[in-house]
C-alpha cells in the first residue's frame, strides 16, 4: 500500500514523514527527490535547458534563483517546467514503490493517483505561521515575514484526502504517527 501525505506550508507533514522514516517506513520526499532527478537525469536536464536556456544550470548545478525568477515572471513557464519534472518524479515513485509519498502538491502533480489513500496534514494558521517563521526566517516574526507567509498560505489550494490529521502541536508527533499506522498500515 502506498499512502500520500500532503498539506500546506507549516502543517508539519515533513516532521510526520521523518517520524515514519525513523520507524523504518520508506518515505518518498518529492521535493528532495525532484532536486535529485533534476541534478542527475540527463533527459530532464536537457528538457529544462531547452525550456529555460543554458542559464538554468550554472557550473553544472541547477540555478534555482534564475529558474524561480523565470517561472514566476512567466507563469506558463511554471506549467511547462512542471510538465517536465512531475512525470519524472512519478516514474521514479513507480520504480521505488515507497510506503509513503510526501508532497505539498500531491494532487496537482497527479501523484495522488499512485496512492491507495491520501492523508492531509493540517494545523491552525497561527501554528503554521509560527513554524515557518522558526524554519525560514530564523524566528524573526516581522510584519513583512508574517505577510509573506500569509500570502503563501492563501495561495495554496485546499487539500483533500481520505483522512485528516490535525498537527496543532498539542499532540505528540509520535502519537499522530501511531494513529496513521494503526489506521492505514
N, C-alpha and C. Protein backbone atom coordinates (compact mmCIF):
# COMPACT_ATOMS: atom_id res chain seq x y z
N UNK A 1 0.84 -1.19 0.00
CA UNK A 1 0.00 0.00 0.00
C UNK A 1 0.88 1.24 0.00
N UNK A 2 0.50 2.21 -0.82
CA UNK A 2 1.22 3.49 -0.88
C UNK A 2 0.27 4.58 -0.38
N UNK A 3 0.77 5.37 0.57
CA UNK A 3 -0.05 6.40 1.20
C UNK A 3 0.55 7.77 0.92
N UNK A 4 -0.28 8.70 0.46
CA UNK A 4 0.16 10.06 0.21
C UNK A 4 0.02 10.92 1.47
N UNK A 5 1.00 11.75 1.71
CA UNK A 5 0.96 12.74 2.79
C UNK A 5 1.02 14.11 2.15
N UNK A 6 0.03 14.93 2.40
CA UNK A 6 0.01 16.26 1.81
C UNK A 6 -0.48 17.27 2.84
N UNK A 7 -0.31 18.52 2.52
CA UNK A 7 -0.74 19.59 3.41
C UNK A 7 0.04 20.85 3.08
N UNK A 8 -0.42 21.95 3.60
CA UNK A 8 0.17 23.24 3.30
C UNK A 8 1.45 23.52 4.05
N UNK A 9 2.04 24.63 3.71
CA UNK A 9 3.27 25.08 4.34
C UNK A 9 3.07 25.19 5.85
N UNK A 10 4.03 24.65 6.60
CA UNK A 10 3.99 24.74 8.05
C UNK A 10 3.03 23.78 8.73
N UNK A 11 2.43 22.88 7.97
CA UNK A 11 1.46 21.94 8.57
C UNK A 11 2.16 20.85 9.37
N UNK A 12 3.43 20.60 9.06
CA UNK A 12 4.17 19.58 9.79
C UNK A 12 4.24 18.23 9.08
N UNK A 13 3.90 18.23 7.79
CA UNK A 13 3.92 16.95 7.05
C UNK A 13 5.33 16.36 6.99
N UNK A 14 6.35 17.20 6.87
CA UNK A 14 7.73 16.71 6.83
C UNK A 14 8.14 16.10 8.17
N UNK A 15 7.69 16.68 9.25
CA UNK A 15 8.00 16.14 10.57
C UNK A 15 7.36 14.78 10.74
N UNK A 16 6.13 14.64 10.30
CA UNK A 16 5.45 13.35 10.36
C UNK A 16 6.16 12.34 9.45
N UNK A 17 6.55 12.79 8.26
CA UNK A 17 7.27 11.91 7.34
C UNK A 17 8.59 11.44 7.94
N UNK A 18 9.29 12.34 8.62
CA UNK A 18 10.57 11.98 9.26
C UNK A 18 10.35 10.93 10.35
N UNK A 19 9.28 11.05 11.10
CA UNK A 19 9.00 10.07 12.15
C UNK A 19 8.64 8.71 11.54
N UNK A 20 7.90 8.73 10.44
CA UNK A 20 7.60 7.47 9.74
C UNK A 20 8.88 6.82 9.24
N UNK A 21 9.79 7.61 8.68
CA UNK A 21 11.07 7.09 8.20
C UNK A 21 11.91 6.56 9.35
N UNK A 22 11.89 7.27 10.46
CA UNK A 22 12.63 6.83 11.65
C UNK A 22 12.15 5.45 12.10
N UNK A 23 10.88 5.18 11.88
CA UNK A 23 10.30 3.89 12.28
C UNK A 23 10.50 2.80 11.21
N UNK A 24 11.20 3.15 10.16
CA UNK A 24 11.54 2.14 9.17
C UNK A 24 10.69 2.12 7.91
N UNK A 25 9.73 3.01 7.81
CA UNK A 25 8.92 3.07 6.59
C UNK A 25 9.70 3.81 5.51
N UNK A 26 9.47 3.43 4.27
CA UNK A 26 10.11 4.11 3.15
C UNK A 26 9.25 5.30 2.78
N UNK A 27 9.82 6.50 2.94
CA UNK A 27 9.09 7.74 2.66
C UNK A 27 9.78 8.43 1.47
N UNK A 28 9.00 8.74 0.48
CA UNK A 28 9.49 9.44 -0.72
C UNK A 28 9.20 10.92 -0.54
N UNK A 29 10.25 11.71 -0.34
CA UNK A 29 10.14 13.16 -0.18
C UNK A 29 10.21 13.78 -1.58
N UNK A 30 9.09 14.19 -2.12
CA UNK A 30 9.02 14.65 -3.50
C UNK A 30 9.92 15.85 -3.77
N UNK A 31 10.02 16.80 -2.85
CA UNK A 31 10.89 17.96 -3.05
C UNK A 31 12.34 17.52 -3.20
N UNK A 32 12.79 16.72 -2.26
CA UNK A 32 14.18 16.24 -2.26
C UNK A 32 14.46 15.40 -3.51
N UNK A 33 13.54 14.49 -3.83
CA UNK A 33 13.76 13.61 -4.97
C UNK A 33 13.69 14.35 -6.30
N UNK A 34 12.84 15.36 -6.39
CA UNK A 34 12.77 16.17 -7.62
C UNK A 34 14.11 16.87 -7.84
N UNK A 35 14.71 17.39 -6.78
CA UNK A 35 16.02 18.04 -6.89
C UNK A 35 17.08 17.04 -7.35
N UNK A 36 17.02 15.82 -6.81
CA UNK A 36 17.97 14.78 -7.22
C UNK A 36 17.79 14.44 -8.70
N UNK A 37 16.55 14.27 -9.11
CA UNK A 37 16.25 13.94 -10.51
C UNK A 37 16.74 15.05 -11.44
N UNK A 38 16.47 16.30 -11.09
CA UNK A 38 16.93 17.43 -11.90
C UNK A 38 18.45 17.43 -12.01
N UNK A 39 19.13 17.10 -10.93
CA UNK A 39 20.59 17.10 -10.92
C UNK A 39 21.19 15.91 -11.68
N UNK A 40 20.49 14.76 -11.68
CA UNK A 40 21.10 13.54 -12.20
C UNK A 40 20.54 13.05 -13.54
N UNK A 41 19.31 13.35 -13.84
CA UNK A 41 18.67 12.80 -15.04
C UNK A 41 18.98 13.68 -16.25
N UNK A 42 19.80 13.15 -17.16
CA UNK A 42 20.25 13.94 -18.31
C UNK A 42 19.09 14.37 -19.21
N UNK A 43 18.08 13.53 -19.37
CA UNK A 43 16.93 13.90 -20.21
C UNK A 43 16.15 15.06 -19.60
N UNK A 44 15.99 15.02 -18.29
CA UNK A 44 15.30 16.11 -17.59
C UNK A 44 16.12 17.39 -17.72
N UNK A 45 17.43 17.29 -17.52
CA UNK A 45 18.31 18.47 -17.67
C UNK A 45 18.17 19.07 -19.06
N UNK A 46 18.25 18.23 -20.09
CA UNK A 46 18.16 18.70 -21.47
C UNK A 46 16.83 19.41 -21.71
N UNK A 47 15.75 18.83 -21.20
CA UNK A 47 14.43 19.43 -21.40
C UNK A 47 14.32 20.78 -20.69
N UNK A 48 14.90 20.89 -19.50
CA UNK A 48 14.88 22.16 -18.76
C UNK A 48 15.72 23.21 -19.49
N UNK A 49 16.87 22.82 -19.98
CA UNK A 49 17.72 23.75 -20.73
C UNK A 49 17.00 24.19 -22.01
N UNK A 50 16.34 23.26 -22.68
CA UNK A 50 15.58 23.60 -23.89
C UNK A 50 14.49 24.62 -23.56
N UNK A 51 13.84 24.45 -22.41
CA UNK A 51 12.75 25.35 -22.00
C UNK A 51 13.28 26.71 -21.52
N UNK A 52 14.31 26.70 -20.68
CA UNK A 52 14.73 27.92 -19.98
C UNK A 52 16.09 28.45 -20.39
N UNK A 53 16.81 27.72 -21.22
CA UNK A 53 18.12 28.17 -21.64
C UNK A 53 19.23 27.63 -20.76
N UNK A 54 20.47 27.85 -21.22
CA UNK A 54 21.65 27.33 -20.52
C UNK A 54 21.80 27.89 -19.11
N UNK A 55 21.22 29.07 -18.85
CA UNK A 55 21.32 29.67 -17.51
C UNK A 55 20.59 28.85 -16.44
N UNK A 56 19.76 27.91 -16.85
CA UNK A 56 19.05 27.07 -15.88
C UNK A 56 20.02 26.21 -15.07
N UNK A 57 21.21 25.99 -15.63
CA UNK A 57 22.26 25.27 -14.91
C UNK A 57 23.52 26.14 -14.94
N UNK A 58 24.05 26.42 -13.76
CA UNK A 58 25.22 27.29 -13.64
C UNK A 58 26.35 26.42 -13.07
N UNK A 59 27.42 26.33 -13.80
CA UNK A 59 28.55 25.48 -13.39
C UNK A 59 28.09 24.04 -13.14
N UNK A 60 27.16 23.60 -13.97
CA UNK A 60 26.66 22.22 -13.87
C UNK A 60 25.61 22.00 -12.80
N UNK A 61 25.27 23.02 -12.04
CA UNK A 61 24.28 22.90 -10.95
C UNK A 61 23.02 23.67 -11.30
N UNK A 62 21.89 23.12 -10.85
CA UNK A 62 20.59 23.74 -11.10
C UNK A 62 20.57 25.13 -10.49
N UNK A 63 20.26 26.13 -11.30
CA UNK A 63 20.27 27.53 -10.90
C UNK A 63 18.87 27.92 -10.43
N UNK A 64 18.55 27.57 -9.20
CA UNK A 64 17.19 27.78 -8.69
C UNK A 64 16.79 29.25 -8.67
N UNK A 65 17.74 30.15 -8.42
CA UNK A 65 17.42 31.58 -8.40
C UNK A 65 16.93 32.02 -9.76
N UNK A 66 17.67 31.66 -10.79
CA UNK A 66 17.29 32.02 -12.16
C UNK A 66 15.96 31.36 -12.55
N UNK A 67 15.83 30.07 -12.28
CA UNK A 67 14.62 29.34 -12.66
C UNK A 67 13.40 29.92 -11.95
N UNK A 68 13.53 30.17 -10.66
CA UNK A 68 12.40 30.73 -9.90
C UNK A 68 11.98 32.08 -10.47
N UNK A 69 12.96 32.91 -10.77
CA UNK A 69 12.65 34.23 -11.34
C UNK A 69 11.89 34.07 -12.65
N UNK A 70 12.35 33.19 -13.51
CA UNK A 70 11.71 32.99 -14.82
C UNK A 70 10.29 32.46 -14.68
N UNK A 71 10.10 31.43 -13.86
CA UNK A 71 8.77 30.81 -13.80
C UNK A 71 7.75 31.70 -13.08
N UNK A 72 8.23 32.56 -12.19
CA UNK A 72 7.27 33.42 -11.51
C UNK A 72 6.98 34.68 -12.33
N UNK A 73 7.89 35.05 -13.22
CA UNK A 73 7.61 36.15 -14.14
C UNK A 73 6.73 35.69 -15.29
N UNK A 74 6.86 34.43 -15.66
CA UNK A 74 6.11 33.85 -16.78
C UNK A 74 5.41 32.58 -16.30
N UNK A 75 4.20 32.70 -15.75
CA UNK A 75 3.50 31.55 -15.17
C UNK A 75 3.35 30.36 -16.11
N UNK A 76 3.29 30.60 -17.40
CA UNK A 76 3.19 29.50 -18.35
C UNK A 76 4.45 28.63 -18.30
N UNK A 77 5.58 29.26 -18.00
CA UNK A 77 6.85 28.52 -17.87
C UNK A 77 6.79 27.53 -16.72
N UNK A 78 6.12 27.92 -15.63
CA UNK A 78 6.00 27.01 -14.49
C UNK A 78 5.23 25.76 -14.91
N UNK A 79 4.16 25.94 -15.66
CA UNK A 79 3.40 24.78 -16.14
C UNK A 79 4.27 23.88 -17.00
N UNK A 80 5.07 24.49 -17.86
CA UNK A 80 5.94 23.72 -18.75
C UNK A 80 7.06 23.01 -17.97
N UNK A 81 7.60 23.70 -16.97
CA UNK A 81 8.63 23.09 -16.12
C UNK A 81 8.04 21.90 -15.36
N UNK A 82 6.85 22.10 -14.79
CA UNK A 82 6.18 21.01 -14.08
C UNK A 82 5.89 19.83 -14.99
N UNK A 83 5.58 20.12 -16.26
CA UNK A 83 5.31 19.06 -17.23
C UNK A 83 6.57 18.24 -17.53
N UNK A 84 7.73 18.77 -17.21
CA UNK A 84 8.99 18.03 -17.35
C UNK A 84 9.29 17.25 -16.06
N UNK A 85 9.18 17.94 -14.93
CA UNK A 85 9.62 17.36 -13.66
C UNK A 85 8.61 16.37 -13.07
N UNK A 86 7.33 16.71 -13.08
CA UNK A 86 6.34 15.84 -12.44
C UNK A 86 6.30 14.43 -13.02
N UNK A 87 6.29 14.24 -14.34
CA UNK A 87 6.30 12.87 -14.86
C UNK A 87 7.57 12.09 -14.47
N UNK A 88 8.69 12.78 -14.38
CA UNK A 88 9.93 12.11 -13.97
C UNK A 88 9.85 11.66 -12.52
N UNK A 89 9.27 12.50 -11.67
CA UNK A 89 9.08 12.13 -10.26
C UNK A 89 8.10 10.96 -10.17
N UNK A 90 7.02 11.05 -10.91
CA UNK A 90 6.01 9.98 -10.90
C UNK A 90 6.63 8.65 -11.31
N UNK A 91 7.42 8.66 -12.37
CA UNK A 91 8.09 7.43 -12.84
C UNK A 91 9.03 6.88 -11.77
N UNK A 92 9.73 7.77 -11.06
CA UNK A 92 10.65 7.36 -10.01
C UNK A 92 9.89 6.72 -8.85
N UNK A 93 8.75 7.29 -8.50
CA UNK A 93 7.92 6.72 -7.43
C UNK A 93 7.46 5.32 -7.82
N UNK A 94 7.04 5.15 -9.05
CA UNK A 94 6.56 3.85 -9.52
C UNK A 94 7.67 2.80 -9.38
N UNK A 95 8.89 3.17 -9.70
CA UNK A 95 10.02 2.25 -9.60
C UNK A 95 10.35 1.94 -8.14
N UNK A 96 10.35 2.97 -7.30
CA UNK A 96 10.79 2.80 -5.91
C UNK A 96 9.73 2.22 -4.99
N UNK A 97 8.46 2.37 -5.33
CA UNK A 97 7.36 1.81 -4.53
C UNK A 97 7.49 2.09 -3.02
N UNK A 98 7.51 3.37 -2.64
CA UNK A 98 7.63 3.68 -1.21
C UNK A 98 6.33 3.39 -0.46
N UNK A 99 6.45 3.39 0.86
CA UNK A 99 5.25 3.23 1.70
C UNK A 99 4.45 4.53 1.75
N UNK A 100 5.19 5.66 1.79
CA UNK A 100 4.57 6.98 1.88
C UNK A 100 5.18 7.92 0.84
N UNK A 101 4.33 8.80 0.29
CA UNK A 101 4.78 9.82 -0.65
C UNK A 101 4.41 11.17 -0.04
N UNK A 102 5.43 11.99 0.25
CA UNK A 102 5.17 13.29 0.87
C UNK A 102 5.32 14.40 -0.17
N UNK A 103 4.25 15.20 -0.34
CA UNK A 103 4.29 16.30 -1.29
C UNK A 103 3.21 17.32 -0.97
N UNK A 104 3.59 18.60 -1.01
CA UNK A 104 2.60 19.67 -0.84
C UNK A 104 1.71 19.76 -2.08
N UNK A 105 2.22 19.26 -3.21
CA UNK A 105 1.45 19.35 -4.46
C UNK A 105 1.09 17.96 -4.98
N UNK A 106 0.77 17.08 -4.08
CA UNK A 106 0.45 15.69 -4.42
C UNK A 106 -0.61 15.60 -5.51
N UNK A 107 -1.71 16.33 -5.33
CA UNK A 107 -2.79 16.28 -6.31
C UNK A 107 -2.45 17.03 -7.59
N UNK A 108 -1.87 18.21 -7.47
CA UNK A 108 -1.54 18.99 -8.66
C UNK A 108 -0.57 18.25 -9.57
N UNK A 109 0.34 17.48 -8.97
CA UNK A 109 1.34 16.74 -9.74
C UNK A 109 0.79 15.40 -10.24
N UNK A 110 -0.43 15.06 -9.85
CA UNK A 110 -1.02 13.79 -10.27
C UNK A 110 -0.47 12.60 -9.52
N UNK A 111 0.22 12.83 -8.43
CA UNK A 111 0.83 11.75 -7.66
C UNK A 111 -0.18 11.02 -6.78
N UNK A 112 -1.29 11.69 -6.49
CA UNK A 112 -2.33 11.05 -5.69
C UNK A 112 -2.89 9.81 -6.38
N UNK A 113 -2.79 9.77 -7.72
CA UNK A 113 -3.31 8.62 -8.47
C UNK A 113 -2.48 7.36 -8.21
N UNK A 114 -1.27 7.52 -7.69
CA UNK A 114 -0.42 6.38 -7.35
C UNK A 114 -0.72 5.85 -5.95
N UNK A 115 -1.41 6.66 -5.16
CA UNK A 115 -1.61 6.36 -3.75
C UNK A 115 -2.94 5.64 -3.51
N UNK A 116 -2.89 4.68 -2.60
CA UNK A 116 -4.12 3.99 -2.20
C UNK A 116 -4.98 4.87 -1.31
N UNK A 117 -4.32 5.68 -0.49
CA UNK A 117 -5.00 6.63 0.40
C UNK A 117 -4.18 7.90 0.46
N UNK A 118 -4.86 9.01 0.79
CA UNK A 118 -4.19 10.29 0.97
C UNK A 118 -4.55 10.85 2.34
N UNK A 119 -3.51 11.21 3.08
CA UNK A 119 -3.70 11.81 4.41
C UNK A 119 -3.33 13.28 4.30
N UNK A 120 -4.23 14.14 4.74
CA UNK A 120 -3.98 15.58 4.77
C UNK A 120 -3.50 15.95 6.17
N UNK A 121 -2.32 16.57 6.22
CA UNK A 121 -1.79 17.06 7.49
C UNK A 121 -2.14 18.54 7.55
N UNK A 122 -2.78 18.93 8.63
CA UNK A 122 -3.24 20.31 8.74
C UNK A 122 -2.87 20.85 10.12
N UNK A 123 -2.92 22.16 10.25
CA UNK A 123 -2.67 22.84 11.52
C UNK A 123 -3.31 24.21 11.43
N UNK A 124 -3.67 24.78 12.57
CA UNK A 124 -4.22 26.14 12.55
C UNK A 124 -3.22 27.12 11.94
N UNK A 125 -3.75 28.16 11.30
CA UNK A 125 -2.89 29.13 10.60
C UNK A 125 -1.83 29.74 11.51
N UNK A 126 -2.18 30.10 12.73
CA UNK A 126 -1.19 30.72 13.61
C UNK A 126 -0.04 29.78 13.93
N UNK A 127 -0.33 28.49 14.06
CA UNK A 127 0.71 27.49 14.32
C UNK A 127 1.60 27.35 13.08
N UNK A 128 0.97 27.32 11.91
CA UNK A 128 1.73 27.20 10.66
C UNK A 128 2.67 28.39 10.48
N UNK A 129 2.16 29.59 10.74
CA UNK A 129 2.98 30.80 10.62
C UNK A 129 4.16 30.73 11.57
N UNK A 130 3.90 30.34 12.80
CA UNK A 130 4.96 30.22 13.81
C UNK A 130 6.05 29.24 13.36
N UNK A 131 5.64 28.10 12.81
CA UNK A 131 6.60 27.09 12.35
C UNK A 131 7.45 27.61 11.19
N UNK A 132 6.80 28.29 10.24
CA UNK A 132 7.54 28.79 9.08
C UNK A 132 8.49 29.91 9.49
N UNK A 133 8.10 30.75 10.41
CA UNK A 133 8.99 31.80 10.92
C UNK A 133 10.22 31.18 11.56
N UNK A 134 9.99 30.14 12.36
CA UNK A 134 11.12 29.46 13.01
C UNK A 134 12.03 28.80 11.98
N UNK A 135 11.44 28.18 10.97
CA UNK A 135 12.20 27.42 9.98
C UNK A 135 12.88 28.30 8.93
N UNK A 136 12.15 29.27 8.38
CA UNK A 136 12.63 30.02 7.22
C UNK A 136 13.14 31.43 7.53
N UNK A 137 12.79 31.96 8.68
CA UNK A 137 13.12 33.35 8.99
C UNK A 137 13.87 33.50 10.31
N UNK A 138 14.55 32.44 10.73
CA UNK A 138 15.36 32.46 11.97
C UNK A 138 14.58 33.01 13.17
N UNK A 139 13.29 32.74 13.20
CA UNK A 139 12.47 33.16 14.33
C UNK A 139 12.09 34.62 14.33
N UNK A 140 12.40 35.35 13.27
CA UNK A 140 12.10 36.78 13.20
C UNK A 140 10.67 36.97 12.69
N UNK A 141 9.78 37.34 13.59
CA UNK A 141 8.36 37.46 13.27
C UNK A 141 7.99 38.89 12.90
N UNK A 142 8.68 39.45 11.92
CA UNK A 142 8.36 40.80 11.48
C UNK A 142 7.04 40.80 10.72
N UNK A 143 6.45 41.97 10.60
CA UNK A 143 5.20 42.09 9.84
C UNK A 143 5.41 41.64 8.40
N UNK A 144 6.57 42.01 7.83
CA UNK A 144 6.87 41.64 6.44
C UNK A 144 6.93 40.11 6.29
N UNK A 145 7.64 39.45 7.21
CA UNK A 145 7.75 37.99 7.14
C UNK A 145 6.39 37.33 7.31
N UNK A 146 5.62 37.83 8.26
CA UNK A 146 4.29 37.25 8.51
C UNK A 146 3.37 37.46 7.30
N UNK A 147 3.48 38.61 6.67
CA UNK A 147 2.67 38.89 5.47
C UNK A 147 3.04 37.94 4.33
N UNK A 148 4.34 37.70 4.16
CA UNK A 148 4.80 36.77 3.12
C UNK A 148 4.24 35.37 3.36
N UNK A 149 4.29 34.93 4.61
CA UNK A 149 3.80 33.59 4.95
C UNK A 149 2.29 33.50 4.74
N UNK A 150 1.56 34.51 5.19
CA UNK A 150 0.11 34.51 4.98
C UNK A 150 -0.24 34.45 3.50
N UNK A 151 0.52 35.18 2.69
CA UNK A 151 0.29 35.17 1.24
C UNK A 151 0.54 33.78 0.66
N UNK A 152 1.59 33.11 1.13
CA UNK A 152 1.88 31.75 0.66
C UNK A 152 0.78 30.79 1.07
N UNK A 153 0.30 30.93 2.30
CA UNK A 153 -0.78 30.07 2.78
C UNK A 153 -2.03 30.30 1.95
N UNK A 154 -2.34 31.56 1.72
CA UNK A 154 -3.54 31.91 0.96
C UNK A 154 -3.47 31.40 -0.49
N UNK A 155 -2.25 31.38 -1.05
CA UNK A 155 -2.07 30.94 -2.44
C UNK A 155 -2.20 29.43 -2.59
N UNK A 156 -2.03 28.71 -1.49
CA UNK A 156 -2.13 27.25 -1.57
C UNK A 156 -3.59 26.83 -1.65
N UNK A 157 -3.80 25.73 -2.34
CA UNK A 157 -5.16 25.24 -2.53
C UNK A 157 -5.67 24.56 -1.26
N UNK A 158 -6.92 24.18 -1.30
CA UNK A 158 -7.49 23.38 -0.22
C UNK A 158 -7.10 21.93 -0.47
N UNK A 159 -6.63 21.28 0.54
CA UNK A 159 -6.17 19.90 0.41
C UNK A 159 -7.30 18.93 0.73
N UNK A 160 -7.37 17.87 -0.05
CA UNK A 160 -8.39 16.85 0.18
C UNK A 160 -7.71 15.49 0.26
N UNK A 161 -8.33 14.61 1.03
CA UNK A 161 -7.80 13.26 1.18
C UNK A 161 -8.81 12.35 1.83
N UNK A 162 -8.37 11.15 2.16
CA UNK A 162 -9.23 10.16 2.80
C UNK A 162 -9.28 10.36 4.31
N UNK A 163 -8.31 11.08 4.84
CA UNK A 163 -8.16 11.20 6.27
C UNK A 163 -7.42 12.50 6.55
N UNK A 164 -7.71 13.13 7.67
CA UNK A 164 -7.05 14.37 8.03
C UNK A 164 -6.46 14.25 9.43
N UNK A 165 -5.26 14.76 9.59
CA UNK A 165 -4.58 14.76 10.89
C UNK A 165 -4.35 16.21 11.27
N UNK A 166 -4.77 16.59 12.46
CA UNK A 166 -4.53 17.94 12.96
C UNK A 166 -3.22 17.93 13.75
N UNK A 167 -2.22 18.57 13.20
CA UNK A 167 -0.90 18.63 13.81
C UNK A 167 -0.73 20.03 14.42
N UNK A 168 -1.48 20.28 15.48
CA UNK A 168 -1.50 21.61 16.09
C UNK A 168 -0.45 21.82 17.17
N UNK A 169 0.40 20.81 17.37
CA UNK A 169 1.45 20.92 18.37
C UNK A 169 1.02 20.48 19.76
N UNK A 170 -0.25 20.19 19.94
CA UNK A 170 -0.75 19.75 21.25
C UNK A 170 -0.59 18.25 21.43
N UNK A 171 -0.61 17.50 20.33
CA UNK A 171 -0.44 16.05 20.37
C UNK A 171 0.95 15.73 19.86
N UNK A 172 1.63 14.83 20.56
CA UNK A 172 2.98 14.45 20.15
C UNK A 172 2.97 13.86 18.75
N UNK A 173 4.04 14.15 18.00
CA UNK A 173 4.20 13.61 16.64
C UNK A 173 4.12 12.08 16.69
N UNK A 174 4.75 11.48 17.69
CA UNK A 174 4.72 10.02 17.82
C UNK A 174 3.30 9.48 17.91
N UNK A 175 2.44 10.19 18.62
CA UNK A 175 1.04 9.78 18.77
C UNK A 175 0.30 9.93 17.44
N UNK A 176 0.56 11.02 16.72
CA UNK A 176 -0.07 11.21 15.41
C UNK A 176 0.36 10.10 14.45
N UNK A 177 1.63 9.76 14.48
CA UNK A 177 2.14 8.70 13.61
C UNK A 177 1.56 7.35 14.02
N UNK A 178 1.41 7.11 15.32
CA UNK A 178 0.76 5.89 15.78
C UNK A 178 -0.63 5.77 15.18
N UNK A 179 -1.37 6.88 15.15
CA UNK A 179 -2.72 6.90 14.57
C UNK A 179 -2.67 6.55 13.08
N UNK A 180 -1.73 7.13 12.37
CA UNK A 180 -1.59 6.84 10.95
C UNK A 180 -1.31 5.36 10.73
N UNK A 181 -0.38 4.82 11.49
CA UNK A 181 0.00 3.41 11.34
C UNK A 181 -1.17 2.48 11.67
N UNK A 182 -1.86 2.76 12.77
CA UNK A 182 -2.99 1.91 13.18
C UNK A 182 -4.13 1.98 12.16
N UNK A 183 -4.33 3.15 11.56
CA UNK A 183 -5.43 3.34 10.64
C UNK A 183 -5.14 2.82 9.24
N UNK A 184 -3.89 2.95 8.77
CA UNK A 184 -3.62 2.68 7.36
C UNK A 184 -2.61 1.58 7.07
N UNK A 185 -1.74 1.25 8.01
CA UNK A 185 -0.68 0.31 7.67
C UNK A 185 -0.99 -1.08 8.15
